[in-house]
Amino acid sequence: MKKNMGIALVSLSLFLTSFAPSYSIEEVLSALRNGNARELAKYFDTRIDISLPDMSDNFSKNQAEMILKDFFGNNGVKNFVVKHKGQNNGSQFCIGLLQTRNGNYRAKLYMKKKGSQEVVQEIAFQAEE
């Protein structure tokens, strides 16, 4: 009886861990294309480096969401075009062009594996000249 209970618990544990959230960079890019800060923030680490044309710092997840919501709202995101993306030592990165009604921004995004999931640790926007 104890053996069957042990097997059942191990099986249940394996089953439940298979449903742990596993984020991909494609989900992050989709939120970026839509200028959706709330959706984008779901993938943030607990602290994230944000670099904008007028500010750059390390913020909490909630602060970062509000800052990007303001940035996206003020600029009116039209689209995000991927220029390059890749992987390096278990991390993912993407460089692209954020197209807005106020002009284009070179964008850089960096995700790193933390525990069992990938989280966004850095996002930067630089105005295109």
C-alpha atoms as a PDB file:
ATOM      1  CA  MET A   1       0.000   0.000   0.000  1.00  0.00           C
ATOM      2  CA  LYS A   2       2.763   2.434   0.953  1.00  0.00           C
ATOM      3  CA  LYS A   3       4.641   1.546  -2.247  1.00  0.00           C
ATOM      4  CA  ASN A   4       1.575   2.337  -4.383  1.00  0.00           C
ATOM      5  CA  MET A   5       1.038   5.614  -2.543  1.00  0.00           C
ATOM      6  CA  GLY A   6       4.679   6.595  -3.112  1.00  0.00           C
ATOM      7  CA  ILE A   7       4.423   5.819  -6.825  1.00  0.00           C
ATOM      8  CA  ALA A   8       1.188   7.813  -7.056  1.00  0.00           C
ATOM      9  CA  LEU A   9       2.786  10.844  -5.349  1.00  0.00           C
ATOM     10  CA  VAL A  10       5.843  10.757  -7.607  1.00  0.00           C
ATOM     11  CA  SER A  11       3.638  10.416 -10.692  1.00  0.00           C
ATOM     12  CA  LEU A  12       1.435  13.300  -9.578  1.00  0.00           C
ATOM     13  CA  SER A  13       4.486  15.483  -8.899  1.00  0.00           C
ATOM     14  CA  LEU A  14       5.928  14.790 -12.343  1.00  0.00           C
ATOM     15  CA  PHE A  15       2.544  15.456 -13.936  1.00  0.00           C
ATOM     16  CA  LEU A  16       2.100  18.796 -12.155  1.00  0.00           C
ATOM     17  CA  THR A  17       5.639  20.025 -12.884  1.00  0.00           C
ATOM     18  CA  SER A  18       5.049  19.428 -16.580  1.00  0.00           C
ATOM     19  CA  PHE A  19       2.494  22.275 -16.393  1.00  0.00           C
ATOM     20  CA  ALA A  20       4.905  24.811 -14.868  1.00  0.00           C
ATOM     21  CA  PRO A  21       4.988  27.952 -16.986  1.00  0.00           C
ATOM     22  CA  SER A  22       7.637  27.822 -19.670  1.00  0.00           C
ATOM     23  CA  TYR A  23       8.023  31.164 -21.389  1.00  0.00           C
ATOM     24  CA  SER A  24       9.440  31.556 -24.824  1.00  0.00           C
ATOM     25  CA  ILE A  25      10.873  34.637 -26.421  1.00  0.00           C
ATOM     26  CA  GLU A  26       8.066  34.471 -29.016  1.00  0.00           C
ATOM     27  CA  GLU A  27       5.440  35.199 -26.334  1.00  0.00           C
ATOM     28  CA  VAL A  28       7.501  38.169 -25.157  1.00  0.00           C
ATOM     29  CA  LEU A  29       7.867  39.469 -28.722  1.00  0.00           C
ATOM     30  CA  SER A  30       4.122  39.170 -29.262  1.00  0.00           C
ATOM     31  CA  ALA A  31       3.455  41.383 -26.235  1.00  0.00           C
ATOM     32  CA  LEU A  32       6.070  43.828 -27.512  1.00  0.00           C
ATOM     33  CA  ARG A  33       4.481  43.934 -30.992  1.00  0.00           C
ATOM     34  CA  ASN A  34       1.188  44.885 -29.395  1.00  0.00           C
ATOM     35  CA  GLY A  35       2.710  47.435 -27.029  1.00  0.00           C
ATOM     36  CA  ASN A  36       1.104  45.566 -24.141  1.00  0.00           C
ATOM     37  CA  ALA A  37       3.106  46.353 -20.991  1.00  0.00           C
ATOM     38  CA  ARG A  38       0.872  44.238 -18.754  1.00  0.00           C
ATOM     39  CA  GLU A  39       1.379  41.140 -20.890  1.00  0.00           C
ATOM     40  CA  LEU A  40       5.087  41.863 -21.269  1.00  0.00           C
ATOM     41  CA  ALA A  41       5.517  42.211 -17.491  1.00  0.00           C
ATOM     42  CA  LYS A  42       4.347  38.610 -17.002  1.00  0.00           C
ATOM     43  CA  TYR A  43       7.733  37.539 -18.313  1.00  0.00           C
ATOM     44  CA  PHE A  44       9.880  39.943 -16.253  1.00  0.00           C
ATOM     45  CA  ASP A  45      12.301  38.824 -13.595  1.00  0.00           C
ATOM     46  CA  THR A  46      11.688  40.244 -10.104  1.00  0.00           C
ATOM     47  CA  ARG A  47      14.028  43.120 -11.065  1.00  0.00           C
ATOM     48  CA  ILE A  48      14.732  44.265 -14.613  1.00  0.00           C
ATOM     49  CA  ASP A  49      17.111  46.682 -16.308  1.00  0.00           C
ATOM     50  CA  ILE A  50      15.229  49.183 -18.465  1.00  0.00           C
ATOM     51  CA  SER A  51      16.904  51.672 -20.731  1.00  0.00           C
ATOM     52  CA  LEU A  52      14.858  54.363 -22.487  1.00  0.00           C
ATOM     53  CA  PRO A  53      16.047  57.469 -24.361  1.00  0.00           C
ATOM     54  CA  ASP A  54      15.553  59.654 -21.275  1.00  0.00           C
ATOM     55  CA  MET A  55      16.259  57.201 -18.418  1.00  0.00           C
ATOM     56  CA  SER A  56      18.052  54.011 -17.516  1.00  0.00           C
ATOM     57  CA  ASP A  57      17.920  52.040 -14.267  1.00  0.00           C
ATOM     58  CA  ASN A  58      17.072  48.758 -12.571  1.00  0.00           C
ATOM     59  CA  PHE A  59      13.407  48.520 -11.547  1.00  0.00           C
ATOM     60  CA  SER A  60      11.077  46.151  -9.744  1.00  0.00           C
ATOM     61  CA  LYS A  61       8.688  44.170 -11.910  1.00  0.00           C
ATOM     62  CA  ASN A  62       5.762  46.493 -11.036  1.00  0.00           C
ATOM     63  CA  GLN A  63       7.750  49.693 -11.606  1.00  0.00           C
ATOM     64  CA  ALA A  64       8.995  48.377 -14.952  1.00  0.00           C
ATOM     65  CA  GLU A  65       5.452  47.590 -16.060  1.00  0.00           C
ATOM     66  CA  MET A  66       4.300  51.140 -15.269  1.00  0.00           C
ATOM     67  CA  ILE A  67       7.303  52.709 -17.003  1.00  0.00           C
ATOM     68  CA  LEU A  68       6.769  50.671 -20.168  1.00  0.00           C
ATOM     69  CA  LYS A  69       3.026  51.284 -20.091  1.00  0.00           C
ATOM     70  CA  ASP A  70       3.763  55.008 -20.079  1.00  0.00           C
ATOM     71  CA  PHE A  71       6.424  54.677 -22.807  1.00  0.00           C
ATOM     72  CA  PHE A  72       4.153  52.601 -25.065  1.00  0.00           C
ATOM     73  CA  GLY A  73       1.185  54.906 -24.419  1.00  0.00           C
ATOM     74  CA  ASN A  74       3.144  58.069 -25.217  1.00  0.00           C
ATOM     75  CA  ASN A  75       4.657  56.620 -28.385  1.00  0.00           C
ATOM     76  CA  GLY A  76       1.835  54.469 -29.793  1.00  0.00           C
ATOM     77  CA  VAL A  77       3.407  51.148 -30.740  1.00  0.00           C
ATOM     78  CA  LYS A  78       2.642  50.081 -34.308  1.00  0.00           C
ATOM     79  CA  ASN A  79       4.823  46.982 -34.641  1.00  0.00           C
ATOM     80  CA  PHE A  80       8.026  45.231 -33.657  1.00  0.00           C
ATOM     81  CA  VAL A  81      10.296  43.798 -36.357  1.00  0.00           C
ATOM     82  CA  VAL A  82      12.905  41.216 -35.362  1.00  0.00           C
ATOM     83  CA  LYS A  83      16.328  41.932 -36.885  1.00  0.00           C
ATOM     84  CA  HIS A  84      18.308  39.258 -35.050  1.00  0.00           C
ATOM     85  CA  LYS A  85      17.689  36.742 -32.319  1.00  0.00           C
ATOM     86  CA  GLY A  86      19.678  33.934 -30.850  1.00  0.00           C
ATOM     87  CA  GLN A  87      20.810  31.934 -27.867  1.00  0.00           C
ATOM     88  CA  ASN A  88      23.993  31.935 -25.842  1.00  0.00           C
ATOM     89  CA  ASN A  89      24.727  29.651 -22.870  1.00  0.00           C
ATOM     90  CA  GLY A  90      21.040  29.058 -22.105  1.00  0.00           C
ATOM     91  CA  SER A  91      20.067  32.710 -22.517  1.00  0.00           C
ATOM     92  CA  GLN A  92      18.014  34.215 -25.325  1.00  0.00           C
ATOM     93  CA  PHE A  93      18.330  37.638 -26.876  1.00  0.00           C
ATOM     94  CA  CYS A  94      16.641  39.647 -29.573  1.00  0.00           C
ATOM     95  CA  ILE A  95      17.500  42.839 -31.405  1.00  0.00           C
ATOM     96  CA  GLY A  96      14.819  44.546 -33.415  1.00  0.00           C
ATOM     97  CA  LEU A  97      13.019  47.684 -34.445  1.00  0.00           C
ATOM     98  CA  LEU A  98      10.092  49.022 -32.419  1.00  0.00           C
ATOM     99  CA  GLN A  99       7.936  51.048 -34.795  1.00  0.00           C
ATOM    100  CA  THR A 100       5.827  53.766 -33.177  1.00  0.00           C
ATOM    101  CA  ARG A 101       3.793  56.734 -34.358  1.00  0.00           C
ATOM    102  CA  ASN A 102       6.550  58.994 -32.941  1.00  0.00           C
ATOM    103  CA  GLY A 103       9.423  57.263 -34.734  1.00  0.00           C
ATOM    104  CA  ASN A 104      11.411  54.066 -34.574  1.00  0.00           C
ATOM    105  CA  TYR A 105      13.485  52.657 -31.731  1.00  0.00           C
ATOM    106  CA  ARG A 106      16.265  50.103 -31.824  1.00  0.00           C
ATOM    107  CA  ALA A 107      15.229  47.512 -29.265  1.00  0.00           C
ATOM    108  CA  LYS A 108      17.298  45.011 -27.333  1.00  0.00           C
ATOM    109  CA  LEU A 109      15.795  42.233 -25.194  1.00  0.00           C
ATOM    110  CA  TYR A 110      17.642  39.739 -23.005  1.00  0.00           C
ATOM    111  CA  MET A 111      16.124  36.660 -21.340  1.00  0.00           C
ATOM    112  CA  LYS A 112      17.878  34.320 -18.949  1.00  0.00           C
ATOM    113  CA  LYS A 113      16.953  30.954 -17.521  1.00  0.00           C
ATOM    114  CA  LYS A 114      16.031  31.285 -13.868  1.00  0.00           C
ATOM    115  CA  GLY A 115      14.986  28.063 -12.223  1.00  0.00           C
ATOM    116  CA  SER A 116      12.730  26.259 -14.669  1.00  0.00           C
ATOM    117  CA  GLN A 117      11.716  29.269 -16.742  1.00  0.00           C
ATOM    118  CA  GLU A 118      13.121  32.024 -18.929  1.00  0.00           C
ATOM    119  CA  VAL A 119      12.604  35.571 -17.653  1.00  0.00           C
ATOM    120  CA  VAL A 120      13.275  38.982 -19.177  1.00  0.00           C
ATOM    121  CA  GLN A 121      16.161  40.629 -17.364  1.00  0.00           C
ATOM    122  CA  GLU A 122      16.906  43.532 -19.685  1.00  0.00           C
ATOM    123  CA  ILE A 123      15.011  45.612 -22.216  1.00  0.00           C
ATOM    124  CA  ALA A 124      16.324  48.711 -23.962  1.00  0.00           C
ATOM    125  CA  PHE A 125      14.987  51.194 -26.518  1.00  0.00           C
ATOM    126  CA  GLN A 126      17.233  53.654 -28.342  1.00  0.00           C
ATOM    127  CA  ALA A 127      15.811  56.260 -30.725  1.00  0.00           C
ATOM    128  CA  GLU A 128      16.736  55.686 -34.367  1.00  0.00           C
ATOM    129  CA  GLU A 129      18.314  58.657 -36.109  1.00  0.00           C
END
